[in-house]
């Protein structure tokens, strides 16, 4: 009887965590993650520009917002990360570079519009 429970638990684990991933689904999830990161970068860049952050404070603000988004996504996914993404690292670091470019664009534009002109 003990071996049946172990077999059933192993079977349930294989149903929940497949060995193969659907490439189209992984790409779509990466697209959604990129969309979220770009949106947060634009919003945080706008906020930093309106607030008037300059220099290192602005970059620290971007890192805080980006890490905050990653934490929210990790908390939302909880234990099912392997079902949607290849690793936790991909959620945290996947779009930092493209996100910082969007952040800089909105940050400098709104800083110039509010504080310079």
PDB file of N, CA and C in Angstrom:
ATOM      1  N   UNK A   1       0.818  -1.190   0.000  1.00  0.00           N
ATOM      2  CA  UNK A   1       0.000   0.000   0.000  1.00  0.00           C
ATOM      3  C   UNK A   1       0.865   1.258   0.000  1.00  0.00           C
ATOM      4  N   UNK A   2       1.987   1.240   0.673  1.00  0.00           N
ATOM      5  CA  UNK A   2       2.866   2.402   0.725  1.00  0.00           C
ATOM      6  C   UNK A   2       3.440   2.722  -0.660  1.00  0.00           C
ATOM      7  N   UNK A   3       3.774   1.692  -1.424  1.00  0.00           N
ATOM      8  CA  UNK A   3       4.337   1.922  -2.753  1.00  0.00           C
ATOM      9  C   UNK A   3       3.311   2.523  -3.706  1.00  0.00           C
ATOM     10  N   UNK A   4       2.017   2.235  -3.504  1.00  0.00           N
ATOM     11  CA  UNK A   4       0.988   2.824  -4.365  1.00  0.00           C
ATOM     12  C   UNK A   4       0.896   4.324  -4.140  1.00  0.00           C
ATOM     13  N   UNK A   5       1.020   4.764  -2.904  1.00  0.00           N
ATOM     14  CA  UNK A   5       0.977   6.193  -2.630  1.00  0.00           C
ATOM     15  C   UNK A   5       2.169   6.897  -3.265  1.00  0.00           C
ATOM     16  N   UNK A   6       3.319   6.247  -3.181  1.00  0.00           N
ATOM     17  CA  UNK A   6       4.509   6.838  -3.765  1.00  0.00           C
ATOM     18  C   UNK A   6       4.381   6.926  -5.283  1.00  0.00           C
ATOM     19  N   UNK A   7       3.837   5.910  -5.907  1.00  0.00           N
ATOM     20  CA  UNK A   7       3.636   5.917  -7.346  1.00  0.00           C
ATOM     21  C   UNK A   7       2.636   6.990  -7.742  1.00  0.00           C
ATOM     22  N   UNK A   8       1.557   7.113  -6.975  1.00  0.00           N
ATOM     23  CA  UNK A   8       0.553   8.135  -7.267  1.00  0.00           C
ATOM     24  C   UNK A   8       1.144   9.538  -7.117  1.00  0.00           C
ATOM     25  N   UNK A   9       1.974   9.753  -6.090  1.00  0.00           N
ATOM     26  CA  UNK A   9       2.612  11.054  -5.890  1.00  0.00           C
ATOM     27  C   UNK A   9       3.570  11.363  -7.032  1.00  0.00           C
ATOM     28  N   UNK A  10       4.308  10.356  -7.494  1.00  0.00           N
ATOM     29  CA  UNK A  10       5.212  10.543  -8.624  1.00  0.00           C
ATOM     30  C   UNK A  10       4.434  10.858  -9.886  1.00  0.00           C
ATOM     31  N   UNK A  11       3.321  10.181 -10.091  1.00  0.00           N
ATOM     32  CA  UNK A  11       2.480  10.435 -11.249  1.00  0.00           C
ATOM     33  C   UNK A  11       1.918  11.848 -11.206  1.00  0.00           C
ATOM     34  N   UNK A  12       1.441  12.287 -10.044  1.00  0.00           N
ATOM     35  CA  UNK A  12       0.921  13.641  -9.907  1.00  0.00           C
ATOM     36  C   UNK A  12       2.005  14.674 -10.172  1.00  0.00           C
ATOM     37  N   UNK A  13       3.216  14.401  -9.713  1.00  0.00           N
ATOM     38  CA  UNK A  13       4.322  15.329  -9.942  1.00  0.00           C
ATOM     39  C   UNK A  13       4.607  15.457 -11.433  1.00  0.00           C
ATOM     40  N   UNK A  14       4.585  14.354 -12.161  1.00  0.00           N
ATOM     41  CA  UNK A  14       4.853  14.393 -13.597  1.00  0.00           C
ATOM     42  C   UNK A  14       3.738  15.105 -14.345  1.00  0.00           C
ATOM     43  N   UNK A  15       2.522  15.034 -13.842  1.00  0.00           N
ATOM     44  CA  UNK A  15       1.422  15.757 -14.484  1.00  0.00           C
ATOM     45  C   UNK A  15       1.558  17.261 -14.254  1.00  0.00           C
ATOM     46  N   UNK A  16       2.051  17.647 -13.093  1.00  0.00           N
ATOM     47  CA  UNK A  16       2.180  19.065 -12.777  1.00  0.00           C
ATOM     48  C   UNK A  16       3.444  19.680 -13.358  1.00  0.00           C
ATOM     49  N   UNK A  17       4.520  18.930 -13.425  1.00  0.00           N
ATOM     50  CA  UNK A  17       5.789  19.436 -13.922  1.00  0.00           C
ATOM     51  C   UNK A  17       6.249  18.614 -15.120  1.00  0.00           C
ATOM     52  N   UNK A  18       5.808  18.978 -16.301  1.00  0.00           N
ATOM     53  CA  UNK A  18       6.198  18.187 -17.473  1.00  0.00           C
ATOM     54  C   UNK A  18       7.685  18.351 -17.775  1.00  0.00           C
ATOM     55  N   UNK A  19       8.259  17.329 -18.390  1.00  0.00           N
ATOM     56  CA  UNK A  19       9.673  17.361 -18.756  1.00  0.00           C
ATOM     57  C   UNK A  19       9.919  18.245 -19.971  1.00  0.00           C
ATOM     58  N   UNK A  20       8.938  18.389 -20.826  1.00  0.00           N
ATOM     59  CA  UNK A  20       9.094  19.211 -22.017  1.00  0.00           C
ATOM     60  C   UNK A  20       8.229  20.453 -21.886  1.00  0.00           C
ATOM     61  N   UNK A  21       8.679  21.520 -22.508  1.00  0.00           N
ATOM     62  CA  UNK A  21       7.951  22.782 -22.484  1.00  0.00           C
ATOM     63  C   UNK A  21       7.439  23.096 -23.879  1.00  0.00           C
ATOM     64  N   UNK A  22       6.305  23.724 -23.945  1.00  0.00           N
ATOM     65  CA  UNK A  22       5.756  24.174 -25.210  1.00  0.00           C
ATOM     66  C   UNK A  22       6.462  25.468 -25.593  1.00  0.00           C
ATOM     67  N   UNK A  23       7.182  25.444 -26.704  1.00  0.00           N
ATOM     68  CA  UNK A  23       7.988  26.596 -27.102  1.00  0.00           C
ATOM     69  C   UNK A  23       7.128  27.833 -27.353  1.00  0.00           C
ATOM     70  N   UNK A  24       5.977  27.650 -27.964  1.00  0.00           N
ATOM     71  CA  UNK A  24       5.088  28.787 -28.228  1.00  0.00           C
ATOM     72  C   UNK A  24       4.586  29.403 -26.925  1.00  0.00           C
ATOM     73  N   UNK A  25       4.277  28.579 -25.952  1.00  0.00           N
ATOM     74  CA  UNK A  25       3.805  29.085 -24.661  1.00  0.00           C
ATOM     75  C   UNK A  25       4.919  29.823 -23.924  1.00  0.00           C
ATOM     76  N   UNK A  26       6.145  29.302 -23.978  1.00  0.00           N
ATOM     77  CA  UNK A  26       7.273  29.960 -23.324  1.00  0.00           C
ATOM     78  C   UNK A  26       7.544  31.310 -23.981  1.00  0.00           C
ATOM     79  N   UNK A  27       7.480  31.363 -25.305  1.00  0.00           N
ATOM     80  CA  UNK A  27       7.672  32.635 -26.008  1.00  0.00           C
ATOM     81  C   UNK A  27       6.583  33.640 -25.650  1.00  0.00           C
ATOM     82  N   UNK A  28       5.343  33.174 -25.571  1.00  0.00           N
ATOM     83  CA  UNK A  28       4.236  34.058 -25.221  1.00  0.00           C
ATOM     84  C   UNK A  28       4.390  34.585 -23.791  1.00  0.00           C
ATOM     85  N   UNK A  29       4.792  33.720 -22.872  1.00  0.00           N
ATOM     86  CA  UNK A  29       5.016  34.162 -21.496  1.00  0.00           C
ATOM     87  C   UNK A  29       6.165  35.169 -21.421  1.00  0.00           C
ATOM     88  N   UNK A  30       7.205  34.960 -22.204  1.00  0.00           N
ATOM     89  CA  UNK A  30       8.308  35.912 -22.257  1.00  0.00           C
ATOM     90  C   UNK A  30       7.846  37.244 -22.837  1.00  0.00           C
ATOM     91  N   UNK A  31       6.965  37.180 -23.837  1.00  0.00           N
ATOM     92  CA  UNK A  31       6.389  38.400 -24.411  1.00  0.00           C
ATOM     93  C   UNK A  31       5.590  39.166 -23.356  1.00  0.00           C
ATOM     94  N   UNK A  32       4.774  38.457 -22.581  1.00  0.00           N
ATOM     95  CA  UNK A  32       3.990  39.116 -21.532  1.00  0.00           C
ATOM     96  C   UNK A  32       4.888  39.703 -20.446  1.00  0.00           C
ATOM     97  N   UNK A  33       5.949  38.999 -20.111  1.00  0.00           N
ATOM     98  CA  UNK A  33       6.901  39.511 -19.129  1.00  0.00           C
ATOM     99  C   UNK A  33       7.580  40.778 -19.645  1.00  0.00           C
ATOM    100  N   UNK A  34       7.946  40.779 -20.914  1.00  0.00           N
ATOM    101  CA  UNK A  34       8.543  41.957 -21.540  1.00  0.00           C
ATOM    102  C   UNK A  34       7.554  43.121 -21.550  1.00  0.00           C
ATOM    103  N   UNK A  35       6.298  42.833 -21.823  1.00  0.00           N
ATOM    104  CA  UNK A  35       5.259  43.861 -21.834  1.00  0.00           C
ATOM    105  C   UNK A  35       5.099  44.484 -20.444  1.00  0.00           C
ATOM    106  N   UNK A  36       5.075  43.657 -19.415  1.00  0.00           N
ATOM    107  CA  UNK A  36       4.972  44.157 -18.036  1.00  0.00           C
ATOM    108  C   UNK A  36       6.183  45.001 -17.677  1.00  0.00           C
ATOM    109  N   UNK A  37       7.375  44.512 -18.012  1.00  0.00           N
ATOM    110  CA  UNK A  37       8.598  45.244 -17.689  1.00  0.00           C
ATOM    111  C   UNK A  37       8.647  46.577 -18.426  1.00  0.00           C
ATOM    112  N   UNK A  38       8.254  46.599 -19.682  1.00  0.00           N
ATOM    113  CA  UNK A  38       8.257  47.838 -20.450  1.00  0.00           C
ATOM    114  C   UNK A  38       7.256  48.832 -19.873  1.00  0.00           C
ATOM    115  N   UNK A  39       6.086  48.348 -19.484  1.00  0.00           N
ATOM    116  CA  UNK A  39       5.074  49.228 -18.895  1.00  0.00           C
ATOM    117  C   UNK A  39       5.552  49.815 -17.570  1.00  0.00           C
ATOM    118  N   UNK A  40       6.134  48.991 -16.723  1.00  0.00           N
ATOM    119  CA  UNK A  40       6.644  49.481 -15.437  1.00  0.00           C
ATOM    120  C   UNK A  40       7.810  50.438 -15.663  1.00  0.00           C
ATOM    121  N   UNK A  41       8.645  50.163 -16.649  1.00  0.00           N
ATOM    122  CA  UNK A  41       9.761  51.065 -16.940  1.00  0.00           C
ATOM    123  C   UNK A  41       9.258  52.425 -17.402  1.00  0.00           C
ATOM    124  N   UNK A  42       8.240  52.438 -18.255  1.00  0.00           N
ATOM    125  CA  UNK A  42       7.677  53.706 -18.725  1.00  0.00           C
ATOM    126  C   UNK A  42       7.017  54.469 -17.580  1.00  0.00           C
ATOM    127  N   UNK A  43       6.255  53.774 -16.749  1.00  0.00           N
ATOM    128  CA  UNK A  43       5.585  54.437 -15.628  1.00  0.00           C
ATOM    129  C   UNK A  43       6.586  54.944 -14.592  1.00  0.00           C
ATOM    130  N   UNK A  44       7.581  54.133 -14.257  1.00  0.00           N
ATOM    131  CA  UNK A  44       8.566  54.574 -13.260  1.00  0.00           C
ATOM    132  C   UNK A  44       9.460  55.678 -13.823  1.00  0.00           C
ATOM    133  N   UNK A  45       9.766  55.627 -15.114  1.00  0.00           N
ATOM    134  CA  UNK A  45      10.531  56.714 -15.735  1.00  0.00           C
ATOM    135  C   UNK A  45       9.750  58.013 -15.737  1.00  0.00           C
ATOM    136  N   UNK A  46       8.454  57.917 -16.001  1.00  0.00           N
ATOM    137  CA  UNK A  46       7.598  59.106 -15.951  1.00  0.00           C
ATOM    138  C   UNK A  46       7.555  59.667 -14.538  1.00  0.00           C
ATOM    139  N   UNK A  47       7.397  58.784 -13.564  1.00  0.00           N
ATOM    140  CA  UNK A  47       7.360  59.231 -12.167  1.00  0.00           C
ATOM    141  C   UNK A  47       8.685  59.867 -11.759  1.00  0.00           C
ATOM    142  N   UNK A  48       9.797  59.263 -12.151  1.00  0.00           N
ATOM    143  CA  UNK A  48      11.111  59.810 -11.797  1.00  0.00           C
ATOM    144  C   UNK A  48      11.324  61.173 -12.444  1.00  0.00           C
ATOM    145  N   UNK A  49      10.864  61.338 -13.673  1.00  0.00           N
ATOM    146  CA  UNK A  49      11.001  62.627 -14.349  1.00  0.00           C
ATOM    147  C   UNK A  49      10.141  63.704 -13.712  1.00  0.00           C
ATOM    148  N   UNK A  50       8.922  63.365 -13.357  1.00  0.00           N
ATOM    149  CA  UNK A  50       8.012  64.332 -12.739  1.00  0.00           C
ATOM    150  C   UNK A  50       8.498  64.697 -11.334  1.00  0.00           C
ATOM    151  N   UNK A  51       8.953  63.702 -10.577  1.00  0.00           N
ATOM    152  CA  UNK A  51       9.462  63.954  -9.226  1.00  0.00           C
ATOM    153  C   UNK A  51      10.742  64.800  -9.280  1.00  0.00           C
ATOM    154  N   UNK A  52      11.527  64.614 -10.330  1.00  0.00           N
ATOM    155  CA  UNK A  52      12.755  65.387 -10.481  1.00  0.00           C
ATOM    156  C   UNK A  52      13.993  64.665 -10.002  1.00  0.00           C
ATOM    157  N   UNK A  53      13.974  63.349 -10.036  1.00  0.00           N
ATOM    158  CA  UNK A  53      15.156  62.585  -9.643  1.00  0.00           C
ATOM    159  C   UNK A  53      16.268  62.788 -10.658  1.00  0.00           C
ATOM    160  N   UNK A  54      17.494  62.916 -10.179  1.00  0.00           N
ATOM    161  CA  UNK A  54      18.637  63.075 -11.076  1.00  0.00           C
ATOM    162  C   UNK A  54      19.762  62.143 -10.632  1.00  0.00           C
ATOM    163  N   UNK A  55      20.632  61.836 -11.569  1.00  0.00           N
ATOM    164  CA  UNK A  55      21.834  61.061 -11.271  1.00  0.00           C
ATOM    165  C   UNK A  55      21.557  59.658 -10.756  1.00  0.00           C
ATOM    166  N   UNK A  56      22.312  59.277  -9.758  1.00  0.00           N
ATOM    167  CA  UNK A  56      22.255  57.932  -9.211  1.00  0.00           C
ATOM    168  C   UNK A  56      20.900  57.618  -8.573  1.00  0.00           C
ATOM    169  N   UNK A  57      20.252  58.635  -8.024  1.00  0.00           N
ATOM    170  CA  UNK A  57      18.932  58.417  -7.426  1.00  0.00           C
ATOM    171  C   UNK A  57      17.926  57.884  -8.451  1.00  0.00           C
ATOM    172  N   UNK A  58      18.008  58.375  -9.668  1.00  0.00           N
ATOM    173  CA  UNK A  58      17.118  57.907 -10.722  1.00  0.00           C
ATOM    174  C   UNK A  58      17.354  56.451 -11.081  1.00  0.00           C
ATOM    175  N   UNK A  59      18.610  56.044 -11.146  1.00  0.00           N
ATOM    176  CA  UNK A  59      18.918  54.654 -11.464  1.00  0.00           C
ATOM    177  C   UNK A  59      18.534  53.713 -10.326  1.00  0.00           C
ATOM    178  N   UNK A  60      18.717  54.166  -9.105  1.00  0.00           N
ATOM    179  CA  UNK A  60      18.306  53.362  -7.953  1.00  0.00           C
ATOM    180  C   UNK A  60      16.789  53.201  -7.956  1.00  0.00           C
ATOM    181  N   UNK A  61      16.079  54.257  -8.322  1.00  0.00           N
ATOM    182  CA  UNK A  61      14.622  54.194  -8.415  1.00  0.00           C
ATOM    183  C   UNK A  61      14.189  53.156  -9.457  1.00  0.00           C
ATOM    184  N   UNK A  62      14.897  53.120 -10.591  1.00  0.00           N
ATOM    185  CA  UNK A  62      14.593  52.114 -11.617  1.00  0.00           C
ATOM    186  C   UNK A  62      14.819  50.700 -11.089  1.00  0.00           C
ATOM    187  N   UNK A  63      15.939  50.482 -10.419  1.00  0.00           N
ATOM    188  CA  UNK A  63      16.223  49.147  -9.878  1.00  0.00           C
ATOM    189  C   UNK A  63      15.180  48.728  -8.852  1.00  0.00           C
ATOM    190  N   UNK A  64      14.768  49.654  -8.003  1.00  0.00           N
ATOM    191  CA  UNK A  64      13.742  49.348  -7.003  1.00  0.00           C
ATOM    192  C   UNK A  64      12.432  48.961  -7.686  1.00  0.00           C
ATOM    193  N   UNK A  65      12.016  49.726  -8.687  1.00  0.00           N
ATOM    194  CA  UNK A  65      10.767  49.419  -9.395  1.00  0.00           C
ATOM    195  C   UNK A  65      10.849  48.093 -10.140  1.00  0.00           C
ATOM    196  N   UNK A  66      11.984  47.825 -10.767  1.00  0.00           N
ATOM    197  CA  UNK A  66      12.160  46.579 -11.506  1.00  0.00           C
ATOM    198  C   UNK A  66      12.167  45.372 -10.571  1.00  0.00           C
ATOM    199  N   UNK A  67      12.864  45.485  -9.458  1.00  0.00           N
ATOM    200  CA  UNK A  67      12.895  44.383  -8.482  1.00  0.00           C
ATOM    201  C   UNK A  67      11.522  44.181  -7.867  1.00  0.00           C
ATOM    202  N   UNK A  68      10.813  45.281  -7.610  1.00  0.00           N
ATOM    203  CA  UNK A  68       9.457  45.194  -7.064  1.00  0.00           C
ATOM    204  C   UNK A  68       8.534  44.428  -8.018  1.00  0.00           C
ATOM    205  N   UNK A  69       8.625  44.716  -9.322  1.00  0.00           N
ATOM    206  CA  UNK A  69       7.824  43.984 -10.304  1.00  0.00           C
ATOM    207  C   UNK A  69       8.180  42.502 -10.297  1.00  0.00           C
ATOM    208  N   UNK A  70       9.462  42.180 -10.246  1.00  0.00           N
ATOM    209  CA  UNK A  70       9.896  40.777 -10.221  1.00  0.00           C
ATOM    210  C   UNK A  70       9.368  40.053  -8.993  1.00  0.00           C
ATOM    211  N   UNK A  71       9.403  40.715  -7.843  1.00  0.00           N
ATOM    212  CA  UNK A  71       8.896  40.109  -6.607  1.00  0.00           C
ATOM    213  C   UNK A  71       7.404  39.864  -6.705  1.00  0.00           C
ATOM    214  N   UNK A  72       6.674  40.814  -7.261  1.00  0.00           N
ATOM    215  CA  UNK A  72       5.221  40.635  -7.409  1.00  0.00           C
ATOM    216  C   UNK A  72       4.923  39.441  -8.315  1.00  0.00           C
ATOM    217  N   UNK A  73       5.642  39.328  -9.413  1.00  0.00           N
ATOM    218  CA  UNK A  73       5.416  38.203 -10.332  1.00  0.00           C
ATOM    219  C   UNK A  73       5.786  36.884  -9.662  1.00  0.00           C
ATOM    220  N   UNK A  74       6.910  36.859  -8.944  1.00  0.00           N
ATOM    221  CA  UNK A  74       7.317  35.629  -8.253  1.00  0.00           C
ATOM    222  C   UNK A  74       6.309  35.229  -7.180  1.00  0.00           C
ATOM    223  N   UNK A  75       5.783  36.203  -6.452  1.00  0.00           N
ATOM    224  CA  UNK A  75       4.770  35.898  -5.443  1.00  0.00           C
ATOM    225  C   UNK A  75       3.471  35.417  -6.079  1.00  0.00           C
ATOM    226  N   UNK A  76       3.123  36.002  -7.204  1.00  0.00           N
ATOM    227  CA  UNK A  76       1.895  35.597  -7.893  1.00  0.00           C
ATOM    228  C   UNK A  76       2.002  34.165  -8.420  1.00  0.00           C
ATOM    229  N   UNK A  77       3.152  33.832  -8.982  1.00  0.00           N
ATOM    230  CA  UNK A  77       3.334  32.489  -9.540  1.00  0.00           C
ATOM    231  C   UNK A  77       3.576  31.444  -8.459  1.00  0.00           C
ATOM    232  N   UNK A  78       4.155  31.865  -7.346  1.00  0.00           N
ATOM    233  CA  UNK A  78       4.402  31.008  -6.202  1.00  0.00           C
ATOM    234  C   UNK A  78       5.207  29.766  -6.594  1.00  0.00           C
ATOM    235  N   UNK A  79       4.635  28.585  -6.511  1.00  0.00           N
ATOM    236  CA  UNK A  79       5.360  27.349  -6.808  1.00  0.00           C
ATOM    237  C   UNK A  79       5.227  26.887  -8.254  1.00  0.00           C
ATOM    238  N   UNK A  80       4.461  27.589  -9.055  1.00  0.00           N
ATOM    239  CA  UNK A  80       4.218  27.132 -10.424  1.00  0.00           C
ATOM    240  C   UNK A  80       5.095  27.842 -11.447  1.00  0.00           C
ATOM    241  N   UNK A  81       6.248  28.328 -11.039  1.00  0.00           N
ATOM    242  CA  UNK A  81       7.133  29.050 -11.951  1.00  0.00           C
ATOM    243  C   UNK A  81       7.601  28.157 -13.095  1.00  0.00           C
ATOM    244  N   UNK A  82       7.922  26.908 -12.788  1.00  0.00           N
ATOM    245  CA  UNK A  82       8.421  25.980 -13.809  1.00  0.00           C
ATOM    246  C   UNK A  82       7.380  25.673 -14.884  1.00  0.00           C
ATOM    247  N   UNK A  83       6.110  25.912 -14.589  1.00  0.00           N
ATOM    248  CA  UNK A  83       5.071  25.678 -15.594  1.00  0.00           C
ATOM    249  C   UNK A  83       5.042  26.778 -16.651  1.00  0.00           C
ATOM    250  N   UNK A  84       5.521  27.967 -16.312  1.00  0.00           N
ATOM    251  CA  UNK A  84       5.391  29.109 -17.206  1.00  0.00           C
ATOM    252  C   UNK A  84       6.712  29.663 -17.722  1.00  0.00           C
ATOM    253  N   UNK A  85       7.791  29.505 -16.958  1.00  0.00           N
ATOM    254  CA  UNK A  85       9.086  30.041 -17.343  1.00  0.00           C
ATOM    255  C   UNK A  85      10.151  28.975 -17.146  1.00  0.00           C
ATOM    256  N   UNK A  86      11.286  29.176 -17.793  1.00  0.00           N
ATOM    257  CA  UNK A  86      12.355  28.188 -17.695  1.00  0.00           C
ATOM    258  C   UNK A  86      13.093  28.279 -16.362  1.00  0.00           C
ATOM    259  N   UNK A  87      13.173  29.485 -15.772  1.00  0.00           N
ATOM    260  CA  UNK A  87      13.844  29.632 -14.484  1.00  0.00           C
ATOM    261  C   UNK A  87      13.408  30.931 -13.805  1.00  0.00           C
ATOM    262  N   UNK A  88      13.703  31.024 -12.508  1.00  0.00           N
ATOM    263  CA  UNK A  88      13.417  32.260 -11.775  1.00  0.00           C
ATOM    264  C   UNK A  88      14.301  33.397 -12.270  1.00  0.00           C
ATOM    265  N   UNK A  89      15.512  33.060 -12.651  1.00  0.00           N
ATOM    266  CA  UNK A  89      16.451  34.072 -13.115  1.00  0.00           C
ATOM    267  C   UNK A  89      15.918  34.797 -14.352  1.00  0.00           C
ATOM    268  N   UNK A  90      15.210  34.085 -15.207  1.00  0.00           N
ATOM    269  CA  UNK A  90      14.674  34.724 -16.407  1.00  0.00           C
ATOM    270  C   UNK A  90      13.618  35.763 -16.072  1.00  0.00           C
ATOM    271  N   UNK A  91      12.913  35.584 -14.973  1.00  0.00           N
ATOM    272  CA  UNK A  91      11.909  36.560 -14.568  1.00  0.00           C
ATOM    273  C   UNK A  91      12.587  37.830 -14.063  1.00  0.00           C
ATOM    274  N   UNK A  92      13.666  37.671 -13.343  1.00  0.00           N
ATOM    275  CA  UNK A  92      14.317  38.826 -12.714  1.00  0.00           C
ATOM    276  C   UNK A  92      15.184  39.605 -13.702  1.00  0.00           C
ATOM    277  N   UNK A  93      15.941  38.917 -14.536  1.00  0.00           N
ATOM    278  CA  UNK A  93      16.936  39.601 -15.367  1.00  0.00           C
ATOM    279  C   UNK A  93      16.618  39.660 -16.853  1.00  0.00           C
ATOM    280  N   UNK A  94      15.498  39.135 -17.270  1.00  0.00           N
ATOM    281  CA  UNK A  94      15.239  38.994 -18.703  1.00  0.00           C
ATOM    282  C   UNK A  94      15.221  40.324 -19.450  1.00  0.00           C
ATOM    283  N   UNK A  95      14.584  41.322 -18.903  1.00  0.00           N
ATOM    284  CA  UNK A  95      14.364  42.545 -19.667  1.00  0.00           C
ATOM    285  C   UNK A  95      14.955  43.785 -19.006  1.00  0.00           C
ATOM    286  N   UNK A  96      15.999  43.604 -18.245  1.00  0.00           N
ATOM    287  CA  UNK A  96      16.591  44.761 -17.576  1.00  0.00           C
ATOM    288  C   UNK A  96      17.160  45.776 -18.567  1.00  0.00           C
ATOM    289  N   UNK A  97      17.812  45.305 -19.609  1.00  0.00           N
ATOM    290  CA  UNK A  97      18.435  46.234 -20.547  1.00  0.00           C
ATOM    291  C   UNK A  97      17.399  46.995 -21.356  1.00  0.00           C
ATOM    292  N   UNK A  98      16.443  46.323 -21.938  1.00  0.00           N
ATOM    293  CA  UNK A  98      15.411  47.035 -22.705  1.00  0.00           C
ATOM    294  C   UNK A  98      14.560  47.893 -21.783  1.00  0.00           C
ATOM    295  N   UNK A  99      14.384  47.449 -20.551  1.00  0.00           N
ATOM    296  CA  UNK A  99      13.626  48.232 -19.592  1.00  0.00           C
ATOM    297  C   UNK A  99      14.330  49.520 -19.219  1.00  0.00           C
ATOM    298  N   UNK A 100      15.648  49.472 -19.086  1.00  0.00           N
ATOM    299  CA  UNK A 100      16.370  50.686 -18.706  1.00  0.00           C
ATOM    300  C   UNK A 100      16.379  51.694 -19.857  1.00  0.00           C
ATOM    301  N   UNK A 101      16.364  51.221 -21.079  1.00  0.00           N
ATOM    302  CA  UNK A 101      16.291  52.146 -22.212  1.00  0.00           C
ATOM    303  C   UNK A 101      14.948  52.874 -22.235  1.00  0.00           C
ATOM    304  N   UNK A 102      13.880  52.149 -22.004  1.00  0.00           N
ATOM    305  CA  UNK A 102      12.551  52.768 -21.934  1.00  0.00           C
ATOM    306  C   UNK A 102      12.483  53.724 -20.754  1.00  0.00           C
ATOM    307  N   UNK A 103      13.029  53.307 -19.623  1.00  0.00           N
ATOM    308  CA  UNK A 103      13.047  54.150 -18.429  1.00  0.00           C
ATOM    309  C   UNK A 103      13.776  55.468 -18.705  1.00  0.00           C
ATOM    310  N   UNK A 104      14.948  55.394 -19.317  1.00  0.00           N
ATOM    311  CA  UNK A 104      15.721  56.604 -19.612  1.00  0.00           C
ATOM    312  C   UNK A 104      14.979  57.529 -20.562  1.00  0.00           C
ATOM    313  N   UNK A 105      14.314  56.962 -21.548  1.00  0.00           N
ATOM    314  CA  UNK A 105      13.554  57.763 -22.501  1.00  0.00           C
ATOM    315  C   UNK A 105      12.469  58.572 -21.785  1.00  0.00           C
ATOM    316  N   UNK A 106      11.655  57.914 -20.977  1.00  0.00           N
ATOM    317  CA  UNK A 106      10.573  58.604 -20.280  1.00  0.00           C
ATOM    318  C   UNK A 106      11.107  59.523 -19.186  1.00  0.00           C
ATOM    319  N   UNK A 107      12.150  59.090 -18.509  1.00  0.00           N
ATOM    320  CA  UNK A 107      12.733  59.877 -17.431  1.00  0.00           C
ATOM    321  C   UNK A 107      13.250  61.213 -17.951  1.00  0.00           C
ATOM    322  N   UNK A 108      14.070  61.178 -19.004  1.00  0.00           N
ATOM    323  CA  UNK A 108      14.643  62.416 -19.527  1.00  0.00           C
ATOM    324  C   UNK A 108      13.589  63.287 -20.196  1.00  0.00           C
ATOM    325  N   UNK A 109      12.640  62.685 -20.896  1.00  0.00           N
ATOM    326  CA  UNK A 109      11.601  63.466 -21.571  1.00  0.00           C
ATOM    327  C   UNK A 109      10.744  64.225 -20.556  1.00  0.00           C
ATOM    328  N   UNK A 110      10.243  63.519 -19.550  1.00  0.00           N
ATOM    329  CA  UNK A 110       9.368  64.186 -18.589  1.00  0.00           C
ATOM    330  C   UNK A 110      10.136  65.107 -17.648  1.00  0.00           C
ATOM    331  N   UNK A 111      11.376  64.787 -17.336  1.00  0.00           N
ATOM    332  CA  UNK A 111      12.182  65.709 -16.541  1.00  0.00           C
ATOM    333  C   UNK A 111      12.370  67.014 -17.298  1.00  0.00           C
ATOM    334  N   UNK A 112      12.657  66.905 -18.579  1.00  0.00           N
ATOM    335  CA  UNK A 112      12.823  68.098 -19.404  1.00  0.00           C
ATOM    336  C   UNK A 112      11.536  68.895 -19.541  1.00  0.00           C
ATOM    337  N   UNK A 113      10.424  68.213 -19.714  1.00  0.00           N
ATOM    338  CA  UNK A 113       9.145  68.904 -19.873  1.00  0.00           C
ATOM    339  C   UNK A 113       8.697  69.606 -18.578  1.00  0.00           C
ATOM    340  N   UNK A 114       8.945  68.985 -17.442  1.00  0.00           N
ATOM    341  CA  UNK A 114       8.451  69.537 -16.179  1.00  0.00           C
ATOM    342  C   UNK A 114       9.449  70.519 -15.569  1.00  0.00           C
ATOM    343  N   UNK A 115      10.720  70.202 -15.561  1.00  0.00           N
ATOM    344  CA  UNK A 115      11.681  70.986 -14.796  1.00  0.00           C
ATOM    345  C   UNK A 115      12.537  71.928 -15.633  1.00  0.00           C
ATOM    346  N   UNK A 116      12.658  71.694 -16.920  1.00  0.00           N
ATOM    347  CA  UNK A 116      13.511  72.546 -17.744  1.00  0.00           C
ATOM    348  C   UNK A 116      12.686  73.588 -18.477  1.00  0.00           C
ATOM    349  N   UNK A 117      11.574  73.178 -19.069  1.00  0.00           N
ATOM    350  CA  UNK A 117      10.787  74.124 -19.865  1.00  0.00           C
ATOM    351  C   UNK A 117       9.730  74.727 -19.048  1.00  0.00           C
TER     352      UNK A 117
END
